[in-house]
Protein backbone atom coordinates (compact mmCIF):
# COMPACT_ATOMS: atom_id res chain seq x y z
CA MET A 1 0.99 17.96 -19.50
CA MET A 2 1.53 21.63 -20.33
CA THR A 3 4.53 23.35 -21.82
CA TRP A 4 5.15 26.89 -23.01
CA VAL A 5 6.99 26.74 -26.33
CA THR A 6 8.23 29.61 -28.41
CA ALA A 7 6.70 30.12 -31.83
CA ALA A 8 9.95 28.94 -33.43
CA LEU A 9 9.70 25.46 -31.92
CA ALA A 10 7.97 22.85 -34.08
CA GLN A 11 8.03 19.14 -33.40
CA THR A 12 8.05 16.08 -35.62
CA PRO A 13 4.93 13.94 -35.03
CA ASP A 14 3.71 10.55 -36.08
CA TYR A 15 0.76 10.45 -38.45
CA ILE A 16 -2.61 8.77 -38.59
CA ILE A 17 -5.64 8.38 -40.75
CA GLN A 18 -8.80 10.14 -39.63
CA LEU A 19 -11.91 10.64 -41.71
CA ASN A 20 -14.10 12.83 -39.51
CA ASP A 21 -15.79 10.51 -37.03
CA ALA A 22 -14.43 7.31 -38.62
CA PRO A 23 -12.15 5.07 -36.52
CA LEU A 24 -8.47 5.94 -36.56
CA LYS A 25 -5.88 3.65 -38.13
CA THR A 26 -2.14 3.91 -37.57
CA LEU A 27 -0.05 4.45 -40.71
CA SER A 28 2.30 1.65 -39.76
CA GLU A 29 3.07 0.94 -43.38
CA LEU A 30 4.47 4.46 -43.76
CA GLN A 31 6.57 4.48 -40.63
CA ALA A 32 9.83 2.71 -40.01
CA HIS A 33 9.64 3.25 -36.25
CA PRO A 34 6.87 3.12 -33.63
CA PRO A 35 5.44 6.41 -32.36
CA ALA A 36 7.70 8.28 -29.99
CA PRO A 37 6.49 10.66 -27.28
CA ALA A 38 6.59 14.33 -28.22
CA PRO A 39 9.77 15.98 -26.90
CA ASN A 40 10.12 18.84 -24.46
CA LYS A 41 7.09 17.98 -22.36
CA ALA A 42 6.97 19.52 -18.91
CA HIS A 43 5.61 17.62 -15.94
CA SER A 44 3.70 20.48 -14.36
CA LEU A 45 1.77 23.58 -15.19
CA PRO A 46 3.84 26.62 -16.10
CA LYS A 47 4.14 29.13 -13.29
CA THR A 48 3.71 32.84 -13.68
CA THR A 49 6.58 35.03 -12.51
CA ALA A 50 5.62 37.14 -9.53
CA GLY A 51 6.02 40.86 -9.98
CA HIS A 52 6.26 40.74 -13.77
CA ALA A 53 3.46 41.87 -16.04
CA PRO A 54 2.46 39.50 -18.88
CA ARG A 55 3.71 40.27 -22.36
CA ALA A 56 1.43 42.55 -24.32
CA ALA A 57 3.01 41.94 -27.73
CA LYS A 58 1.89 38.35 -28.23
CA ALA A 59 -1.23 36.44 -27.36
CA ARG A 60 -0.97 33.24 -25.35
CA ILE A 61 -2.78 30.48 -27.21
CA GLY A 62 -3.46 27.12 -25.58
CA LEU A 63 -3.70 23.92 -27.62
CA LEU A 64 -5.84 21.42 -25.70
CA LEU A 65 -5.45 17.94 -27.23
CA PRO A 66 -5.39 14.29 -26.09
CA THR A 67 -1.84 13.69 -27.35
CA GLU A 68 -1.33 10.71 -25.05
CA SER A 69 -4.68 9.03 -25.78
CA ARG A 70 -4.51 5.50 -27.17
CA LEU A 71 -7.38 6.18 -29.59
CA LEU A 72 -6.94 9.85 -30.44
CA GLY A 73 -3.29 10.47 -29.61
CA GLU A 74 -2.01 10.17 -33.17
CA ALA A 75 -4.76 12.42 -34.51
CA ALA A 76 -3.95 14.97 -31.82
CA THR A 77 -0.24 14.78 -32.60
CA VAL A 78 -0.65 15.50 -36.29
CA VAL A 79 -2.99 18.44 -35.58
CA ARG A 80 -0.39 19.70 -33.11
CA SER A 81 2.31 19.39 -35.78
CA GLY A 82 0.41 21.61 -38.21
CA PHE A 83 -0.42 24.05 -35.42
CA GLU A 84 3.22 24.37 -34.39
CA ALA A 85 4.36 24.66 -38.02
CA ALA A 86 2.07 27.67 -38.41
CA ALA A 87 3.28 29.12 -35.11
CA ALA A 88 6.90 28.76 -36.21
CA THR A 89 6.13 30.42 -39.55
CA ASP A 90 4.03 33.34 -38.32
CA GLN A 91 5.63 33.84 -34.87
CA SER A 92 2.69 35.95 -33.74
CA ALA A 93 1.77 34.18 -30.50
CA GLU A 94 3.12 32.06 -27.68
CA VAL A 95 1.78 28.53 -27.62
CA MET A 96 0.89 26.47 -24.60
CA ILE A 97 0.57 22.73 -25.23
CA VAL A 98 -2.04 21.17 -22.96
CA ASP A 99 -2.35 17.39 -22.88
CA ALA A 100 -5.71 16.26 -21.52
CA SER A 101 -7.80 13.11 -21.46
CA GLU A 102 -11.58 13.02 -21.33
CA HIS A 103 -11.28 12.50 -17.57
CA ASN A 104 -9.33 15.68 -16.83
CA VAL A 105 -10.03 17.93 -19.81
CA ALA A 106 -12.23 20.37 -17.87
CA SER A 107 -9.70 20.85 -15.09
CA ARG A 108 -6.86 21.17 -17.60
CA TYR A 109 -8.80 23.88 -19.38
CA ARG A 110 -9.31 25.85 -16.17
CA GLN A 111 -5.64 25.48 -15.19
CA ALA A 112 -4.47 26.71 -18.61
CA VAL A 113 -6.68 29.80 -18.39
CA ALA A 114 -5.38 30.47 -14.87
CA ALA A 115 -1.84 30.18 -16.26
CA GLY A 116 -2.46 32.96 -18.76
CA VAL A 117 -4.05 31.47 -21.87
CA THR A 118 -6.11 34.11 -23.67
CA VAL A 119 -7.41 31.88 -26.51
CA MET A 120 -7.86 28.11 -26.40
CA VAL A 121 -7.82 25.70 -29.36
CA GLY A 122 -9.46 22.30 -28.76
CA PRO A 123 -10.60 19.88 -27.54
CA LEU A 124 -10.75 17.36 -30.39
CA SER A 125 -13.55 14.94 -29.47
CA ARG A 126 -17.21 15.83 -29.03
CA SER A 127 -17.35 14.33 -25.55
CA SER A 128 -14.41 16.46 -24.42
CA ILE A 129 -15.98 19.54 -25.98
CA ALA A 130 -19.15 18.84 -24.02
CA ALA A 131 -17.10 18.59 -20.82
CA VAL A 132 -15.26 21.85 -21.49
CA ALA A 133 -18.22 23.88 -22.75
CA PRO A 134 -19.53 24.91 -19.28
CA GLN A 135 -15.99 26.03 -18.34
CA VAL A 136 -15.39 28.32 -21.34
CA THR A 137 -14.27 31.78 -20.21
CA VAL A 138 -11.90 32.78 -23.06
CA PRO A 139 -12.42 32.49 -26.84
CA THR A 140 -12.24 28.74 -27.48
CA LEU A 141 -11.99 27.12 -30.91
CA ALA A 142 -13.20 23.52 -30.64
CA LEU A 143 -11.86 21.20 -33.36
CA ASN A 144 -15.05 19.27 -34.00
CA SER A 145 -18.70 20.00 -34.55
CA LEU A 146 -20.75 20.97 -31.51
CA ASP A 147 -23.50 18.71 -30.25
CA LYS A 148 -26.93 20.29 -30.35
CA ASP A 149 -27.45 19.88 -26.61
CA ILE A 150 -24.42 22.04 -25.70
CA THR A 151 -25.53 25.28 -24.08
CA PRO A 152 -24.62 28.20 -26.37
CA ASN A 153 -21.64 30.24 -25.25
CA ALA A 154 -20.60 33.48 -26.92
CA LYS A 155 -16.93 32.50 -26.59
CA LEU A 156 -17.21 28.92 -27.92
CA TYR A 157 -16.45 28.41 -31.63
CA SER A 158 -16.22 25.33 -33.83
CA LEU A 159 -13.81 24.52 -36.66
CA SER A 160 -14.06 21.03 -38.15
CA LEU A 161 -13.56 18.96 -41.28
CA THR A 162 -16.92 17.20 -41.13
CA VAL A 163 -18.14 15.76 -44.43
CA GLU A 164 -21.57 17.33 -44.04
CA GLY A 165 -20.18 20.76 -44.90
CA GLU A 166 -18.74 19.44 -48.16
CA ALA A 167 -22.01 17.77 -49.12
CA ARG A 168 -23.92 20.98 -48.49
CA GLN A 169 -21.47 22.97 -50.58
CA MET A 170 -21.75 20.48 -53.43
CA ALA A 171 -25.55 20.87 -53.38
CA ARG A 172 -25.03 24.62 -53.80
CA VAL A 173 -22.51 24.05 -56.60
CA MET A 174 -24.91 21.80 -58.50
CA HIS A 175 -27.76 24.26 -58.05
CA ALA A 176 -25.57 27.14 -59.26
CA ASP A 177 -24.66 25.00 -62.29
CA GLY A 178 -28.33 24.87 -63.21
CA ARG A 179 -29.04 21.31 -62.09
CA ARG A 180 -32.66 20.86 -61.12
CA ALA A 181 -33.13 17.07 -61.06
CA PRO A 182 -30.12 15.61 -59.23
CA LEU A 183 -29.65 12.01 -58.17
CA VAL A 184 -27.57 11.02 -55.14
CA ILE A 185 -25.92 7.61 -55.43
CA LEU A 186 -24.79 6.25 -52.08
CA ASP A 187 -23.79 2.96 -50.54
CA ASP A 188 -24.95 1.50 -47.27
CA ASP A 189 -22.25 2.77 -44.90
CA ALA A 190 -22.59 5.51 -42.30
CA LEU A 191 -20.29 8.03 -44.01
CA SER A 192 -22.15 7.76 -47.32
CA ARG A 193 -25.48 8.24 -45.58
CA ARG A 194 -24.19 11.34 -43.79
CA LEU A 195 -23.21 12.81 -47.15
CA GLN A 196 -26.60 11.97 -48.64
CA GLN A 197 -28.54 13.42 -45.72
CA ALA A 198 -26.57 16.68 -45.67
CA PHE A 199 -26.91 17.08 -49.45
CA ALA A 200 -30.66 16.44 -49.24
CA GLU A 201 -31.13 18.97 -46.43
CA GLU A 202 -29.28 21.68 -48.34
CA TRP A 203 -31.09 20.90 -51.60
CA ARG A 204 -34.44 21.11 -49.85
CA ALA A 205 -33.43 24.46 -48.34
CA LEU A 206 -32.49 25.73 -51.81
CA THR A 207 -35.43 24.41 -53.81
CA GLY A 208 -38.09 23.09 -51.44
CA MET A 209 -37.68 19.70 -53.14
CA VAL A 210 -36.24 16.42 -51.92
CA PRO A 211 -33.56 15.11 -54.31
CA ALA A 212 -33.81 11.55 -55.59
CA SER A 213 -31.37 9.02 -54.15
CA ILE A 214 -30.54 5.37 -54.61
CA VAL A 215 -28.38 2.91 -52.70
CA ASP A 216 -25.78 1.29 -54.92
CA THR A 217 -25.12 -2.39 -54.30
CA ASP A 218 -23.61 -5.23 -56.29
CA ARG A 219 -27.13 -6.54 -56.81
CA ASN A 220 -28.71 -3.56 -58.55
CA PRO A 221 -26.35 -2.04 -61.14
CA LEU A 222 -29.06 -1.81 -63.79
CA GLU A 223 -31.43 -0.15 -61.32
CA VAL A 224 -28.80 2.50 -60.52
CA LEU A 225 -28.14 3.28 -64.16
CA THR A 226 -31.85 3.45 -64.89
CA ALA A 227 -32.33 5.94 -62.04
CA ALA A 228 -29.41 8.04 -63.29
CA ALA A 229 -30.69 8.33 -66.86
CA PRO A 230 -33.27 11.14 -66.31
CA ALA A 231 -31.12 13.03 -63.79
CA ASP A 232 -29.40 16.21 -64.97
CA GLY A 233 -26.64 15.73 -62.41
CA VAL A 234 -25.33 12.86 -60.29
CA PHE A 235 -23.76 13.29 -56.85
CA LEU A 236 -21.57 10.30 -55.93
CA ALA A 237 -21.51 9.79 -52.16
CA LEU A 238 -19.18 6.84 -52.68
CA GLU A 239 -15.64 5.83 -51.82
CA PRO A 240 -13.09 6.29 -54.64
CA LEU A 241 -12.93 2.71 -55.93
CA ARG A 242 -16.69 2.29 -56.29
CA ALA A 243 -17.00 5.79 -57.79
CA ALA A 244 -14.34 4.84 -60.37
CA GLN A 245 -16.20 1.64 -61.23
CA LEU A 246 -19.53 3.41 -61.66
CA LYS A 247 -18.48 6.59 -63.47
CA PRO A 248 -17.72 4.93 -66.89
CA GLN A 249 -21.16 3.29 -66.85
CA LEU A 250 -22.97 6.63 -66.74
CA ALA A 251 -23.81 8.52 -69.91
CA THR A 252 -20.77 10.29 -71.34
CA ASP A 253 -22.56 13.64 -71.13
CA GLN A 254 -23.78 13.05 -67.56
CA ALA A 255 -22.65 15.78 -65.13
CA VAL A 256 -21.05 14.00 -62.16
CA TYR A 257 -20.08 15.55 -58.81
CA ALA A 258 -18.37 14.38 -55.61
CA THR A 259 -16.66 15.62 -52.45
CA SER A 260 -12.99 15.42 -51.51
CA GLN A 261 -13.65 11.76 -50.70
CA VAL A 262 -12.75 10.83 -54.31
CA ASN A 263 -9.46 12.73 -54.27
CA THR A 264 -6.40 10.53 -53.70
CA ARG A 265 -2.66 10.77 -54.25
CA GLU A 266 -3.08 8.95 -57.57
CA PRO A 267 -6.70 9.37 -58.76
CA ASP A 268 -8.13 6.58 -60.87
CA GLN A 269 -8.29 7.63 -64.53
CA ARG A 270 -11.91 6.45 -64.65
CA LEU A 271 -12.82 9.38 -62.38
CA ALA A 272 -11.79 11.92 -65.04
CA GLY A 273 -14.38 14.64 -65.56
CA ILE A 274 -15.91 14.52 -62.07
CA ARG A 275 -16.35 17.95 -60.47
CA PHE A 276 -15.21 17.81 -56.87
CA ILE A 277 -14.13 20.08 -54.02
CA ASP A 278 -11.11 19.91 -51.77
CA MET A 279 -8.83 22.04 -49.63
CA PRO A 280 -6.66 24.78 -51.16
CA TRP A 281 -3.83 22.87 -49.43
CA PHE A 282 -4.17 20.25 -52.18
CA LEU A 283 -5.74 22.13 -55.09
CA MET A 284 -3.94 25.49 -54.82
CA ALA A 285 -0.46 24.60 -53.62
CA GLN A 286 1.08 27.73 -55.19
CA HIS A 287 -1.40 30.16 -53.64
CA PRO A 288 0.52 32.61 -51.39
CA ALA A 289 -1.61 31.74 -48.36
CA VAL A 290 -0.85 28.04 -48.88
CA LYS A 291 2.79 27.88 -49.91
CA ARG A 292 3.75 30.07 -46.94
CA TYR A 293 3.50 27.03 -44.66
CA PRO A 294 5.85 24.01 -44.72
CA ARG A 295 4.71 20.63 -45.92
CA PRO A 296 4.96 17.72 -43.49
CA THR A 297 8.30 15.97 -43.48
CA GLN A 298 6.84 12.47 -43.15
CA ALA A 299 4.83 10.50 -45.68
CA MET A 300 1.10 10.27 -45.08
CA THR A 301 -2.23 9.80 -46.78
CA LEU A 302 -4.34 12.75 -47.86
CA GLN A 303 -6.71 12.08 -44.98
CA THR A 304 -3.84 12.38 -42.50
CA GLU A 305 -2.54 15.53 -44.14
CA ARG A 306 -5.96 17.13 -43.80
CA LEU A 307 -5.40 17.09 -40.03
CA TYR A 308 -2.05 18.80 -40.46
CA ALA A 309 -3.76 21.52 -42.52
CA LEU A 310 -6.46 21.79 -39.86
CA GLY A 311 -3.75 22.48 -37.29
CA ILE A 312 -2.36 25.30 -39.45
CA ASP A 313 -5.71 27.05 -39.80
CA ALA A 314 -6.59 26.45 -36.15
CA TYR A 315 -3.51 28.45 -35.13
CA ARG A 316 -4.23 31.22 -37.65
CA MET A 317 -7.88 31.49 -36.60
CA ALA A 318 -6.88 31.56 -32.93
CA VAL A 319 -4.55 34.49 -33.60
CA GLN A 320 -7.42 36.35 -35.25
CA LEU A 321 -9.70 35.59 -32.30
CA ALA A 322 -7.03 36.99 -29.98
CA ARG A 323 -6.76 40.21 -31.97
CA SER A 324 -10.39 40.80 -32.85
CA ARG A 325 -12.91 42.52 -30.62
CA SER A 326 -15.75 41.01 -32.65
CA SER A 327 -15.89 37.77 -34.61
CA ALA A 328 -18.97 38.76 -36.61
CA ASN A 329 -16.98 39.47 -39.76
CA LEU A 330 -13.98 37.26 -39.03
CA ARG A 331 -12.64 35.65 -42.22
CA LEU A 332 -9.48 33.74 -43.14
CA ASP A 333 -7.99 32.80 -46.49
CA GLY A 334 -7.19 29.39 -45.07
CA VAL A 335 -5.31 26.35 -46.27
CA THR A 336 -8.41 24.25 -45.46
CA GLY A 337 -10.77 26.63 -47.29
CA ASP A 338 -12.17 30.13 -47.26
CA LEU A 339 -13.15 30.40 -43.59
CA ARG A 340 -15.74 32.66 -42.01
CA VAL A 341 -17.53 32.60 -38.67
CA GLY A 342 -21.18 31.82 -39.34
CA LYS A 343 -24.29 31.05 -37.35
CA ASN A 344 -23.75 29.95 -33.76
CA ARG A 345 -20.02 30.70 -34.14
CA VAL A 346 -19.46 27.71 -36.40
CA VAL A 347 -16.57 28.34 -38.78
CA GLU A 348 -17.85 27.67 -42.29
CA ARG A 349 -15.48 26.40 -44.99
CA GLN A 350 -15.88 27.21 -48.68
CA LEU A 351 -13.71 24.93 -50.81
CA PRO A 352 -12.42 25.48 -54.36
CA VAL A 353 -13.99 23.40 -57.12
CA SER A 354 -11.86 21.34 -59.47
CA ILE A 355 -12.35 18.80 -62.25
CA MET A 356 -10.76 15.41 -61.84
CA GLY A 357 -8.10 14.87 -64.47
CA SER A 358 -7.35 18.57 -64.98
CA GLY A 359 -3.91 18.53 -63.43
CA ASN A 360 -4.85 16.89 -60.11
């Protein structure tokens, strides 16, 4: 459904876990009550008022999300919560909430544009983005990476939290630190392999060389340590528990790196000394661009809260798209990172670097 809400209206959502393309899990252990439908939903498209010119002072930004989806509804709701929190704080645009499933997302997009939307944020899933892409007629900020087979559109942008971007940045960090013989330690799951592949692609682009890598299993601990010995830097593409188990076994002077994957509410002390990257939302809470926006009122994991932060920056970037005649030099000091529009209108995120155990 679609509803015009003023920028001062923010709603209380339920929260979920989402790690990029990983399956969603409900945070039932953090919630005393089952999810409730979002309030103030209209049952029809908003109607324009005949004889009245649209407001010129504020842009109309549509938020196109599957808030009623069984699989993605909770993810959509938490993104919406961050989006509306930013709208209530900045009060620089009117927001149109557009609920859409994969079956009607294209028609919902067209109806929202006909109703006066000047910038669209969403959809959330890649399949919905593919369905909307041929319909794009206003600046549209998709909240996922774009499939390679989507026909380029000068008004279609992408803002996402995909792990590949973090792995590529960590390759650049290690190279800037003077590392020339890195080793990637991964396990045999899909997320770990995505990190390893993205790191390897970026390292090859930087140096022309393919970095060494090894799969860590319970059966080859000595093999992993032997491979790590000659490396001048180790990139752990591992989940936090396994990273914490492995870190103390490496040489004490071994330079160890990781992505935000190792950052948790209560980091394991064995991870101390690891250089990692994460959102300013977590690492720079007192930065003016971060503390301006309210924290969620409900308990959640860091992975869930990343979606809330994504919603904040999605709103802020949409406002900039509405105001800017050209996105070529569009930048945002965002809560999810230093954002800039790069190649093919993909919003690139540069994250701050921190050292585990230094006040995190």
